[in-house]
Amino acid sequence: MDRRRHGFTLVEAAIVIAVIAALAALAGSSFAAAKRNANAASAAFDLGLRLQALKTQALNEQRELVAVLTNAADGTGEGCGFFSEQNCVRLFVLEPEAGWSLAGFDPASPASQAAVVDTVALPQGQFFDLGQAGVAADAPFDQVKVFDPAVTTDGRLAIRFGANGEVRPVYAGASHPYLGGVALALATSAELGAGHRRRVVVSFPTGILKTATYQGTP
């Protein structure tokens, strides 16, 4: 008598369910990485626009502004959130007093010796790629070094926007070498490819800004 099987056995059904679950998890992971990478590109672009706008703002309002950029405290930006902004890459826009210094700046109390004009937190998963420190920026700014120690301290760097329209460095210590600009490197903790890492360069004294992708190991 011909007895044909119909449908799946319990074992076969379990295997199919396991395969579907694995594929769904993989797709979800790829989607999350793609979203994070899109955030990285958007964050670098937005940061560039904000820095460019500060030159115009300082000139129009006839006051000196300082942009301070700080690294994610957890080193990866994974803990970044509304209630834990210390784990985000942040931009502080300040109107500094005469005694203000980058070495004395504390992200936990940014209003010390300065008026806080604005604060911006970059999206989750963004962090300073400190492994890029000392690397030359892209042409025509290849004389500018990423995270130059003359203007970087404890994962912080700053740029001064003058009321006269000039853009100048904020030195981290006693050494004040001539600099053609300042550069930083942003990476994300969930990447699909190296093209999602960005270098941001601000030239002195014109404030011309360039954002470019780079290769490297975050």
C-alpha atoms as a PDB file:
ATOM      1  CA  MET A   1       0.000   0.000   0.000  1.00  0.00           C
ATOM      2  CA  ASP A   2       1.423   3.374  -1.017  1.00  0.00           C
ATOM      3  CA  ARG A   3       1.769   5.564   2.029  1.00  0.00           C
ATOM      4  CA  ARG A   4       3.041   9.023   1.197  1.00  0.00           C
ATOM      5  CA  ARG A   5       4.119  11.495   3.815  1.00  0.00           C
ATOM      6  CA  HIS A   6       2.367  14.843   3.937  1.00  0.00           C
ATOM      7  CA  GLY A   7       3.759  17.978   5.620  1.00  0.00           C
ATOM      8  CA  PHE A   8       6.817  18.251   7.876  1.00  0.00           C
ATOM      9  CA  THR A   9       7.921  16.132  10.771  1.00  0.00           C
ATOM     10  CA  LEU A  10       8.587  17.928  14.042  1.00  0.00           C
ATOM     11  CA  VAL A  11      12.345  17.662  13.466  1.00  0.00           C
ATOM     12  CA  GLU A  12      12.100  19.125   9.970  1.00  0.00           C
ATOM     13  CA  ALA A  13       9.870  21.941  11.188  1.00  0.00           C
ATOM     14  CA  ALA A  14      12.336  22.731  13.965  1.00  0.00           C
ATOM     15  CA  ILE A  15      15.197  22.898  11.450  1.00  0.00           C
ATOM     16  CA  VAL A  16      13.239  25.229   9.159  1.00  0.00           C
ATOM     17  CA  ILE A  17      12.338  27.497  12.082  1.00  0.00           C
ATOM     18  CA  ALA A  18      15.978  27.588  13.223  1.00  0.00           C
ATOM     19  CA  VAL A  19      17.185  28.529   9.730  1.00  0.00           C
ATOM     20  CA  ILE A  20      14.553  31.264   9.407  1.00  0.00           C
ATOM     21  CA  ALA A  21      15.485  32.627  12.837  1.00  0.00           C
ATOM     22  CA  ALA A  22      19.184  32.687  11.936  1.00  0.00           C
ATOM     23  CA  LEU A  23      18.490  34.498   8.666  1.00  0.00           C
ATOM     24  CA  ALA A  24      16.252  36.999  10.439  1.00  0.00           C
ATOM     25  CA  ALA A  25      18.939  37.671  13.043  1.00  0.00           C
ATOM     26  CA  LEU A  26      21.534  38.170  10.322  1.00  0.00           C
ATOM     27  CA  ALA A  27      19.259  40.527   8.415  1.00  0.00           C
ATOM     28  CA  GLY A  28      18.508  42.450  11.596  1.00  0.00           C
ATOM     29  CA  SER A  29      22.201  42.794  12.392  1.00  0.00           C
ATOM     30  CA  SER A  30      22.977  44.024   8.876  1.00  0.00           C
ATOM     31  CA  PHE A  31      20.111  46.517   9.043  1.00  0.00           C
ATOM     32  CA  ALA A  32      21.349  47.839  12.388  1.00  0.00           C
ATOM     33  CA  ALA A  33      24.882  48.215  11.014  1.00  0.00           C
ATOM     34  CA  ALA A  34      23.583  49.947   7.889  1.00  0.00           C
ATOM     35  CA  LYS A  35      21.558  52.355  10.029  1.00  0.00           C
ATOM     36  CA  ARG A  36      24.575  53.084  12.228  1.00  0.00           C
ATOM     37  CA  ASN A  37      26.761  53.722   9.196  1.00  0.00           C
ATOM     38  CA  ALA A  38      24.158  56.078   7.752  1.00  0.00           C
ATOM     39  CA  ASN A  39      24.151  57.881  11.094  1.00  0.00           C
ATOM     40  CA  ALA A  40      27.950  58.174  10.909  1.00  0.00           C
ATOM     41  CA  ALA A  41      27.858  59.813   7.483  1.00  0.00           C
ATOM     42  CA  SER A  42      25.045  62.126   8.560  1.00  0.00           C
ATOM     43  CA  ALA A  43      26.807  63.008  11.822  1.00  0.00           C
ATOM     44  CA  ALA A  44      30.041  64.012  10.070  1.00  0.00           C
ATOM     45  CA  PHE A  45      28.134  66.078   7.507  1.00  0.00           C
ATOM     46  CA  ASP A  46      26.042  67.801  10.179  1.00  0.00           C
ATOM     47  CA  LEU A  47      29.112  68.499  12.299  1.00  0.00           C
ATOM     48  CA  GLY A  48      30.807  70.097   9.312  1.00  0.00           C
ATOM     49  CA  LEU A  49      27.813  72.338   8.658  1.00  0.00           C
ATOM     50  CA  ARG A  50      27.682  73.433  12.293  1.00  0.00           C
ATOM     51  CA  LEU A  51      31.380  74.294  12.370  1.00  0.00           C
ATOM     52  CA  GLN A  52      31.088  76.263   9.141  1.00  0.00           C
ATOM     53  CA  ALA A  53      28.113  78.182  10.520  1.00  0.00           C
ATOM     54  CA  LEU A  54      30.050  79.223  13.632  1.00  0.00           C
ATOM     55  CA  LYS A  55      32.414  81.397  11.595  1.00  0.00           C
ATOM     56  CA  THR A  56      29.456  83.352  10.218  1.00  0.00           C
ATOM     57  CA  GLN A  57      27.765  83.500  13.626  1.00  0.00           C
ATOM     58  CA  ALA A  58      30.851  84.890  15.359  1.00  0.00           C
ATOM     59  CA  LEU A  59      31.291  87.504  12.633  1.00  0.00           C
ATOM     60  CA  ASN A  60      27.630  88.537  12.557  1.00  0.00           C
ATOM     61  CA  GLU A  61      27.303  88.734  16.340  1.00  0.00           C
ATOM     62  CA  GLN A  62      30.751  90.318  16.765  1.00  0.00           C
ATOM     63  CA  ARG A  63      31.810  87.999  19.532  1.00  0.00           C
ATOM     64  CA  GLU A  64      34.348  85.234  19.949  1.00  0.00           C
ATOM     65  CA  LEU A  65      33.057  81.669  19.982  1.00  0.00           C
ATOM     66  CA  VAL A  66      34.889  78.456  20.792  1.00  0.00           C
ATOM     67  CA  ALA A  67      33.808  75.034  19.559  1.00  0.00           C
ATOM     68  CA  VAL A  68      34.944  72.239  21.874  1.00  0.00           C
ATOM     69  CA  LEU A  69      34.672  68.644  20.678  1.00  0.00           C
ATOM     70  CA  THR A  70      34.839  65.832  23.222  1.00  0.00           C
ATOM     71  CA  ASN A  71      35.143  62.092  22.721  1.00  0.00           C
ATOM     72  CA  ALA A  72      32.620  59.532  23.959  1.00  0.00           C
ATOM     73  CA  ALA A  73      33.582  58.748  27.557  1.00  0.00           C
ATOM     74  CA  ASP A  74      33.095  55.007  27.016  1.00  0.00           C
ATOM     75  CA  GLY A  75      35.387  55.075  23.969  1.00  0.00           C
ATOM     76  CA  THR A  76      32.826  53.526  21.615  1.00  0.00           C
ATOM     77  CA  GLY A  77      29.693  55.645  21.869  1.00  0.00           C
ATOM     78  CA  GLU A  78      27.648  52.505  22.539  1.00  0.00           C
ATOM     79  CA  GLY A  79      26.411  53.915  25.824  1.00  0.00           C
ATOM     80  CA  CYS A  80      25.334  57.196  24.233  1.00  0.00           C
ATOM     81  CA  GLY A  81      21.785  58.201  25.112  1.00  0.00           C
ATOM     82  CA  PHE A  82      19.564  60.986  26.375  1.00  0.00           C
ATOM     83  CA  PHE A  83      20.475  60.248  30.000  1.00  0.00           C
ATOM     84  CA  SER A  84      24.119  59.395  29.297  1.00  0.00           C
ATOM     85  CA  GLU A  85      25.362  62.076  26.919  1.00  0.00           C
ATOM     86  CA  GLN A  86      28.847  61.756  28.397  1.00  0.00           C
ATOM     87  CA  ASN A  87      29.113  58.606  26.272  1.00  0.00           C
ATOM     88  CA  CYS A  88      28.390  60.576  23.078  1.00  0.00           C
ATOM     89  CA  VAL A  89      30.789  62.583  20.959  1.00  0.00           C
ATOM     90  CA  ARG A  90      29.717  66.125  21.828  1.00  0.00           C
ATOM     91  CA  LEU A  91      30.100  69.628  20.476  1.00  0.00           C
ATOM     92  CA  PHE A  92      30.040  72.492  22.975  1.00  0.00           C
ATOM     93  CA  VAL A  93      29.748  76.024  21.604  1.00  0.00           C
ATOM     94  CA  LEU A  94      31.022  78.521  24.163  1.00  0.00           C
ATOM     95  CA  GLU A  95      31.587  82.232  24.554  1.00  0.00           C
ATOM     96  CA  PRO A  96      34.763  82.048  26.640  1.00  0.00           C
ATOM     97  CA  GLU A  97      35.919  84.382  29.384  1.00  0.00           C
ATOM     98  CA  ALA A  98      39.489  85.665  29.451  1.00  0.00           C
ATOM     99  CA  GLY A  99      40.733  82.872  31.716  1.00  0.00           C
ATOM    100  CA  TRP A 100      39.162  79.977  29.811  1.00  0.00           C
ATOM    101  CA  SER A 101      41.472  77.190  28.597  1.00  0.00           C
ATOM    102  CA  LEU A 102      41.071  73.837  26.884  1.00  0.00           C
ATOM    103  CA  ALA A 103      43.146  72.123  29.577  1.00  0.00           C
ATOM    104  CA  GLY A 104      40.758  73.419  32.234  1.00  0.00           C
ATOM    105  CA  PHE A 105      37.582  72.579  30.340  1.00  0.00           C
ATOM    106  CA  ASP A 106      35.352  70.000  32.037  1.00  0.00           C
ATOM    107  CA  PRO A 107      32.472  68.542  29.961  1.00  0.00           C
ATOM    108  CA  ALA A 108      30.552  67.989  33.197  1.00  0.00           C
ATOM    109  CA  SER A 109      30.598  71.739  33.935  1.00  0.00           C
ATOM    110  CA  PRO A 110      31.027  73.476  30.577  1.00  0.00           C
ATOM    111  CA  ALA A 111      29.835  76.837  31.926  1.00  0.00           C
ATOM    112  CA  SER A 112      32.984  77.260  34.016  1.00  0.00           C
ATOM    113  CA  GLN A 113      34.619  80.495  32.778  1.00  0.00           C
ATOM    114  CA  ALA A 114      32.372  80.499  29.711  1.00  0.00           C
ATOM    115  CA  ALA A 115      28.798  81.034  28.596  1.00  0.00           C
ATOM    116  CA  VAL A 116      27.314  77.949  26.949  1.00  0.00           C
ATOM    117  CA  VAL A 117      25.784  78.929  23.605  1.00  0.00           C
ATOM    118  CA  ASP A 118      24.852  75.441  22.399  1.00  0.00           C
ATOM    119  CA  THR A 119      25.523  71.745  22.940  1.00  0.00           C
ATOM    120  CA  VAL A 120      25.080  68.948  20.397  1.00  0.00           C
ATOM    121  CA  ALA A 121      25.432  65.196  20.924  1.00  0.00           C
ATOM    122  CA  LEU A 122      26.258  63.000  17.939  1.00  0.00           C
ATOM    123  CA  PRO A 123      24.275  59.762  17.403  1.00  0.00           C
ATOM    124  CA  GLN A 124      24.924  56.554  19.312  1.00  0.00           C
ATOM    125  CA  GLY A 125      27.961  54.540  18.273  1.00  0.00           C
ATOM    126  CA  GLN A 126      30.148  57.468  17.150  1.00  0.00           C
ATOM    127  CA  PHE A 127      33.597  57.927  18.657  1.00  0.00           C
ATOM    128  CA  PHE A 128      36.969  59.571  18.008  1.00  0.00           C
ATOM    129  CA  ASP A 129      39.286  57.214  16.147  1.00  0.00           C
ATOM    130  CA  LEU A 130      42.335  58.086  18.252  1.00  0.00           C
ATOM    131  CA  GLY A 131      44.354  55.481  16.359  1.00  0.00           C
ATOM    132  CA  GLN A 132      44.462  58.053  13.556  1.00  0.00           C
ATOM    133  CA  ALA A 133      46.425  60.507  15.729  1.00  0.00           C
ATOM    134  CA  GLY A 134      49.367  61.928  13.800  1.00  0.00           C
ATOM    135  CA  VAL A 135      48.109  60.773  10.392  1.00  0.00           C
ATOM    136  CA  ALA A 136      48.190  63.411   7.657  1.00  0.00           C
ATOM    137  CA  ALA A 137      44.819  64.721   6.502  1.00  0.00           C
ATOM    138  CA  ASP A 138      43.782  64.569   2.864  1.00  0.00           C
ATOM    139  CA  ALA A 139      45.125  66.987   0.238  1.00  0.00           C
ATOM    140  CA  PRO A 140      45.176  69.936   0.051  1.00  0.00           C
ATOM    141  CA  PHE A 141      45.409  69.829   3.855  1.00  0.00           C
ATOM    142  CA  ASP A 142      48.054  67.097   4.059  1.00  0.00           C
ATOM    143  CA  GLN A 143      50.211  69.281   6.331  1.00  0.00           C
ATOM    144  CA  VAL A 144      47.489  69.038   8.977  1.00  0.00           C
ATOM    145  CA  LYS A 145      47.807  66.122  11.394  1.00  0.00           C
ATOM    146  CA  VAL A 146      44.789  64.326  12.825  1.00  0.00           C
ATOM    147  CA  PHE A 147      44.456  64.934  16.581  1.00  0.00           C
ATOM    148  CA  ASP A 148      47.642  67.006  16.653  1.00  0.00           C
ATOM    149  CA  PRO A 149      48.885  66.891  20.281  1.00  0.00           C
ATOM    150  CA  ALA A 150      49.366  70.666  20.244  1.00  0.00           C
ATOM    151  CA  VAL A 151      45.582  71.083  20.125  1.00  0.00           C
ATOM    152  CA  THR A 152      44.321  67.802  21.621  1.00  0.00           C
ATOM    153  CA  THR A 153      44.173  66.781  25.267  1.00  0.00           C
ATOM    154  CA  ASP A 154      42.266  63.965  26.995  1.00  0.00           C
ATOM    155  CA  GLY A 155      40.146  63.307  23.898  1.00  0.00           C
ATOM    156  CA  ARG A 156      39.215  66.982  23.534  1.00  0.00           C
ATOM    157  CA  LEU A 157      40.049  69.622  20.951  1.00  0.00           C
ATOM    158  CA  ALA A 158      38.792  73.124  20.292  1.00  0.00           C
ATOM    159  CA  ILE A 159      38.568  75.728  17.540  1.00  0.00           C
ATOM    160  CA  ARG A 160      38.321  79.489  18.045  1.00  0.00           C
ATOM    161  CA  PHE A 161      36.041  81.581  15.811  1.00  0.00           C
ATOM    162  CA  GLY A 162      36.894  85.268  16.005  1.00  0.00           C
ATOM    163  CA  ALA A 163      34.672  88.314  15.665  1.00  0.00           C
ATOM    164  CA  ASN A 164      36.962  89.364  12.785  1.00  0.00           C
ATOM    165  CA  GLY A 165      36.092  86.246  10.778  1.00  0.00           C
ATOM    166  CA  GLU A 166      39.347  84.418  11.457  1.00  0.00           C
ATOM    167  CA  VAL A 167      39.437  80.797  12.607  1.00  0.00           C
ATOM    168  CA  ARG A 168      42.306  79.881  14.941  1.00  0.00           C
ATOM    169  CA  PRO A 169      43.492  76.906  17.003  1.00  0.00           C
ATOM    170  CA  VAL A 170      42.984  76.564  20.735  1.00  0.00           C
ATOM    171  CA  TYR A 171      46.259  75.146  22.007  1.00  0.00           C
ATOM    172  CA  ALA A 172      46.211  72.403  24.603  1.00  0.00           C
ATOM    173  CA  GLY A 173      49.372  73.491  26.421  1.00  0.00           C
ATOM    174  CA  ALA A 174      52.441  75.700  26.333  1.00  0.00           C
ATOM    175  CA  SER A 175      53.501  74.612  22.840  1.00  0.00           C
ATOM    176  CA  HIS A 176      52.065  76.933  20.166  1.00  0.00           C
ATOM    177  CA  PRO A 177      53.403  75.751  16.783  1.00  0.00           C
ATOM    178  CA  TYR A 178      52.130  77.167  13.526  1.00  0.00           C
ATOM    179  CA  LEU A 179      49.219  75.033  12.321  1.00  0.00           C
ATOM    180  CA  GLY A 180      47.438  75.078   8.999  1.00  0.00           C
ATOM    181  CA  GLY A 181      44.322  73.578  10.539  1.00  0.00           C
ATOM    182  CA  VAL A 182      42.857  71.033  12.915  1.00  0.00           C
ATOM    183  CA  ALA A 183      41.631  67.547  12.015  1.00  0.00           C
ATOM    184  CA  LEU A 184      39.684  64.812  13.748  1.00  0.00           C
ATOM    185  CA  ALA A 185      38.612  61.300  12.768  1.00  0.00           C
ATOM    186  CA  LEU A 186      35.171  59.844  13.485  1.00  0.00           C
ATOM    187  CA  ALA A 187      34.413  56.137  13.405  1.00  0.00           C
ATOM    188  CA  THR A 188      31.378  54.048  14.287  1.00  0.00           C
ATOM    189  CA  SER A 189      31.183  50.927  16.433  1.00  0.00           C
ATOM    190  CA  ALA A 190      29.129  48.982  13.851  1.00  0.00           C
ATOM    191  CA  GLU A 191      30.581  49.164  10.355  1.00  0.00           C
ATOM    192  CA  LEU A 192      29.846  47.546   7.026  1.00  0.00           C
ATOM    193  CA  GLY A 193      32.978  49.024   5.474  1.00  0.00           C
ATOM    194  CA  ALA A 194      35.821  51.456   6.012  1.00  0.00           C
ATOM    195  CA  GLY A 195      34.118  54.067   3.858  1.00  0.00           C
ATOM    196  CA  HIS A 196      31.917  54.946   6.814  1.00  0.00           C
ATOM    197  CA  ARG A 197      34.832  56.529   8.712  1.00  0.00           C
ATOM    198  CA  ARG A 198      35.219  60.262   8.260  1.00  0.00           C
ATOM    199  CA  ARG A 199      37.979  62.797   8.754  1.00  0.00           C
ATOM    200  CA  VAL A 200      36.905  66.388   9.341  1.00  0.00           C
ATOM    201  CA  VAL A 201      39.450  69.149   8.667  1.00  0.00           C
ATOM    202  CA  VAL A 202      39.040  72.842   9.497  1.00  0.00           C
ATOM    203  CA  SER A 203      41.717  75.088   7.987  1.00  0.00           C
ATOM    204  CA  PHE A 204      43.253  78.184   9.586  1.00  0.00           C
ATOM    205  CA  PRO A 205      42.629  81.096   9.321  1.00  0.00           C
ATOM    206  CA  THR A 206      39.978  80.818   6.590  1.00  0.00           C
ATOM    207  CA  GLY A 207      37.828  78.144   8.230  1.00  0.00           C
ATOM    208  CA  ILE A 208      37.539  76.161   4.990  1.00  0.00           C
ATOM    209  CA  LEU A 209      36.224  72.736   5.925  1.00  0.00           C
ATOM    210  CA  LYS A 210      36.665  69.358   4.269  1.00  0.00           C
ATOM    211  CA  THR A 211      35.105  66.001   5.159  1.00  0.00           C
ATOM    212  CA  ALA A 212      36.498  62.827   3.600  1.00  0.00           C
ATOM    213  CA  THR A 213      36.332  59.075   4.104  1.00  0.00           C
ATOM    214  CA  TYR A 214      39.441  57.126   5.082  1.00  0.00           C
ATOM    215  CA  GLN A 215      40.716  53.603   5.504  1.00  0.00           C
ATOM    216  CA  GLY A 216      41.893  52.321   8.849  1.00  0.00           C
ATOM    217  CA  THR A 217      41.206  50.069  11.784  1.00  0.00           C
ATOM    218  CA  PRO A 218      38.940  51.704  14.349  1.00  0.00           C
END
